[in-house]
Amino acid sequence: MAETATIARPYAEAAFAFADAGGMLAKWAQALEVMASVAAHPEMRAAIGNPGLSDEQLYGLFAALCGDGLDKEMQNFVRTLIENGRLAAVPEIRDIFLTLKNDREGMVDAVVQSAFPLDGAQTAALVADLERRFKRKVKAQVTVDQELIGGVRVQVGDEVIDSSVRGQLATMATALRN
């Protein structure tokens, strides 16, 4: 995983610099989402690893699956990735690009897992608390995970805030073992 991120970083930074200079961060983020979903598909993964396909054939297949959303610069970006054997790294390129974009916009992504569905007011209160803690705008993705038993588990970047019953039980079990 770390190796793929190391490979993806220069491409993501180059795409970010280009998109930022042209005021096209949102457009590139959307295109990279499409490209990442195409590149991550198992059949596309097989095509990427197929030595029988020429670069031009691989580009044609990839571009066709991406649809009309790729402008000339994005097409050149895809061609560069193919020429350098880096097309499989598009999901990681997208992730790094989105992190750079969020940093520029003062935003952070949060993955919130809750034992029970949260209503709009609960979600808004949680997001407001997270924004105060991280001093940034928070874009929360909320999912339900009944295995938490109760409470919530929040991941923002590398930081995890686990206030779930399951997490507290695991902490107690570790303390009792020591």
Protein backbone atom coordinates (compact mmCIF):
# COMPACT_ATOMS: atom_id res chain seq x y z
CA MET A 1 0.00 0.00 0.00
CA ALA A 2 2.74 2.45 0.93
CA GLU A 3 4.58 1.64 -2.30
CA THR A 4 1.49 2.44 -4.38
CA ALA A 5 1.00 5.72 -2.52
CA THR A 6 4.64 6.60 -3.17
CA ILE A 7 4.16 5.90 -6.86
CA ALA A 8 0.84 7.79 -7.00
CA ARG A 9 1.94 10.93 -5.14
CA PRO A 10 3.88 12.67 -7.97
CA TYR A 11 1.02 12.10 -10.42
CA ALA A 12 -1.55 13.36 -7.93
CA GLU A 13 0.54 16.43 -7.14
CA ALA A 14 1.02 17.18 -10.84
CA ALA A 15 -2.70 16.82 -11.55
CA PHE A 16 -3.49 18.98 -8.52
CA ALA A 17 -1.05 21.71 -9.55
CA PHE A 18 -2.48 21.77 -13.08
CA ALA A 19 -6.11 21.75 -11.91
CA ASP A 20 -5.46 24.35 -9.22
CA ALA A 21 -3.70 26.70 -11.63
CA GLY A 22 -6.63 26.46 -14.04
CA GLY A 23 -9.34 26.74 -11.38
CA MET A 24 -10.58 23.24 -12.26
CA LEU A 25 -10.22 21.38 -8.95
CA ALA A 26 -13.86 20.26 -8.86
CA LYS A 27 -13.80 19.14 -12.49
CA TRP A 28 -10.60 17.12 -12.01
CA ALA A 29 -11.88 15.62 -8.75
CA GLN A 30 -15.02 14.44 -10.53
CA ALA A 31 -13.03 13.03 -13.47
CA LEU A 32 -10.62 11.24 -11.13
CA GLU A 33 -13.61 9.65 -9.34
CA VAL A 34 -14.78 8.21 -12.65
CA MET A 35 -11.27 7.13 -13.64
CA ALA A 36 -10.69 5.49 -10.25
CA SER A 37 -13.91 3.48 -10.43
CA VAL A 38 -13.01 2.31 -13.95
CA ALA A 39 -9.42 1.45 -12.97
CA ALA A 40 -10.55 -0.45 -9.86
CA HIS A 41 -12.97 -2.71 -11.74
CA PRO A 42 -11.68 -6.31 -11.80
CA GLU A 43 -12.04 -6.65 -15.57
CA MET A 44 -10.15 -3.39 -16.13
CA ARG A 45 -7.47 -4.57 -13.70
CA ALA A 46 -7.10 -7.68 -15.86
CA ALA A 47 -6.83 -5.52 -19.01
CA ILE A 48 -4.21 -3.29 -17.36
CA GLY A 49 -2.10 -6.36 -16.61
CA ASN A 50 -2.59 -7.91 -20.06
CA PRO A 51 0.68 -7.73 -22.02
CA GLY A 52 -1.24 -8.52 -25.22
CA LEU A 53 -2.86 -5.09 -25.24
CA SER A 54 -0.94 -2.19 -26.72
CA ASP A 55 -0.89 1.17 -24.95
CA GLU A 56 -3.27 2.54 -27.57
CA GLN A 57 -5.72 -0.36 -27.14
CA LEU A 58 -5.63 0.04 -23.37
CA TYR A 59 -6.19 3.78 -23.71
CA GLY A 60 -9.13 3.22 -26.07
CA LEU A 61 -10.76 0.78 -23.66
CA PHE A 62 -10.17 2.99 -20.62
CA ALA A 63 -11.33 6.19 -22.33
CA ALA A 64 -14.47 4.47 -23.65
CA LEU A 65 -15.36 3.27 -20.15
CA CYS A 66 -14.76 6.75 -18.70
CA GLY A 67 -17.21 8.27 -21.18
CA ASP A 68 -17.22 11.84 -22.41
CA GLY A 69 -16.03 13.36 -19.13
CA LEU A 70 -12.34 13.50 -20.06
CA ASP A 71 -11.09 16.70 -21.65
CA LYS A 72 -7.85 16.90 -23.64
CA GLU A 73 -5.62 17.41 -20.58
CA MET A 74 -7.22 14.50 -18.75
CA GLN A 75 -6.79 12.30 -21.82
CA ASN A 76 -3.10 13.25 -21.91
CA PHE A 77 -2.87 12.44 -18.20
CA VAL A 78 -4.33 8.96 -18.82
CA ARG A 79 -1.93 8.40 -21.73
CA THR A 80 1.01 9.36 -19.49
CA LEU A 81 -0.16 6.94 -16.81
CA ILE A 82 -0.44 4.14 -19.39
CA GLU A 83 2.98 4.88 -20.92
CA ASN A 84 4.57 4.73 -17.47
CA GLY A 85 2.66 1.64 -16.36
CA ARG A 86 0.81 3.52 -13.63
CA LEU A 87 -2.83 3.21 -14.68
CA ALA A 88 -3.56 0.81 -11.82
CA ALA A 89 -2.57 3.56 -9.36
CA VAL A 90 -5.49 5.83 -10.33
CA PRO A 91 -7.52 5.07 -7.15
CA GLU A 92 -4.56 6.14 -5.00
CA ILE A 93 -3.95 9.18 -7.23
CA ARG A 94 -7.59 10.17 -6.68
CA ASP A 95 -7.25 9.76 -2.90
CA ILE A 96 -4.12 11.92 -2.72
CA PHE A 97 -5.64 14.50 -5.09
CA LEU A 98 -8.77 14.75 -2.91
CA THR A 99 -6.64 15.17 0.21
CA LEU A 100 -4.73 18.01 -1.45
CA LYS A 101 -8.00 19.56 -2.65
CA ASN A 102 -9.56 19.32 0.80
CA ASP A 103 -6.46 20.89 2.37
CA ARG A 104 -6.66 23.79 -0.09
CA GLU A 105 -10.36 24.29 0.65
CA GLY A 106 -9.95 23.96 4.45
CA MET A 107 -12.03 20.81 4.53
CA VAL A 108 -11.51 17.37 6.00
CA ASP A 109 -13.34 14.10 5.32
CA ALA A 110 -14.75 12.19 8.27
CA VAL A 111 -15.99 8.62 8.24
CA VAL A 112 -18.60 8.26 10.96
CA GLN A 113 -19.83 4.83 11.98
CA SER A 114 -22.82 4.75 14.29
CA ALA A 115 -24.49 1.83 16.02
CA PHE A 116 -27.88 3.33 15.15
CA PRO A 117 -29.12 5.63 12.37
CA LEU A 118 -28.51 9.31 13.12
CA ASP A 119 -31.19 11.87 12.32
CA GLY A 120 -30.36 15.21 10.72
CA ALA A 121 -30.03 17.08 14.03
CA GLN A 122 -27.71 14.46 15.52
CA THR A 123 -25.53 14.45 12.41
CA ALA A 124 -25.40 18.26 12.36
CA ALA A 125 -24.41 18.38 16.05
CA LEU A 126 -21.70 15.76 15.53
CA VAL A 127 -20.33 17.62 12.49
CA ALA A 128 -20.33 20.90 14.44
CA ASP A 129 -18.38 19.23 17.29
CA LEU A 130 -15.88 17.79 14.81
CA GLU A 131 -15.46 21.18 13.10
CA ARG A 132 -14.67 22.79 16.47
CA ARG A 133 -12.18 20.05 17.30
CA PHE A 134 -10.36 20.03 13.95
CA LYS A 135 -10.85 23.76 13.20
CA ARG A 136 -11.84 22.90 9.63
CA LYS A 137 -15.01 22.30 7.68
CA VAL A 138 -15.99 18.62 7.99
CA LYS A 139 -17.59 16.56 5.25
CA ALA A 140 -19.02 13.53 7.05
CA GLN A 141 -19.90 10.18 5.52
CA VAL A 142 -22.21 8.45 8.00
CA THR A 143 -22.79 4.68 8.00
CA VAL A 144 -24.51 2.32 10.41
CA ASP A 145 -22.46 -0.49 11.97
CA GLN A 146 -24.55 -2.46 14.45
CA GLU A 147 -21.45 -4.31 15.68
CA LEU A 148 -20.48 -1.14 17.58
CA ILE A 149 -23.31 -1.99 20.03
CA GLY A 150 -23.74 1.71 20.90
CA GLY A 151 -22.08 5.08 20.33
CA VAL A 152 -20.04 6.24 17.34
CA ARG A 153 -16.60 5.74 15.82
CA VAL A 154 -15.15 8.65 13.83
CA GLN A 155 -12.10 8.56 11.58
CA VAL A 156 -10.63 11.83 10.33
CA GLY A 157 -7.44 11.20 8.39
CA ASP A 158 -5.20 9.10 10.62
CA GLU A 159 -7.02 10.04 13.81
CA VAL A 160 -9.73 7.76 15.22
CA ILE A 161 -12.18 8.79 17.91
CA ASP A 162 -13.82 5.64 19.20
CA SER A 163 -16.63 6.31 21.65
CA SER A 164 -18.48 3.13 20.78
CA VAL A 165 -19.45 0.56 23.39
CA ARG A 166 -17.44 -2.04 21.49
CA GLY A 167 -14.34 0.20 21.60
CA GLN A 168 -14.76 0.88 25.30
CA LEU A 169 -15.13 -2.86 26.00
CA ALA A 170 -11.95 -3.55 24.01
CA THR A 171 -10.10 -0.88 26.02
CA MET A 172 -11.33 -2.41 29.28
CA ALA A 173 -10.31 -5.91 28.16
CA THR A 174 -6.81 -4.67 27.34
CA ALA A 175 -6.53 -2.90 30.70
CA LEU A 176 -7.63 -6.04 32.55
CA ARG A 177 -5.05 -8.17 30.73
CA ASN A 178 -2.21 -5.82 31.73
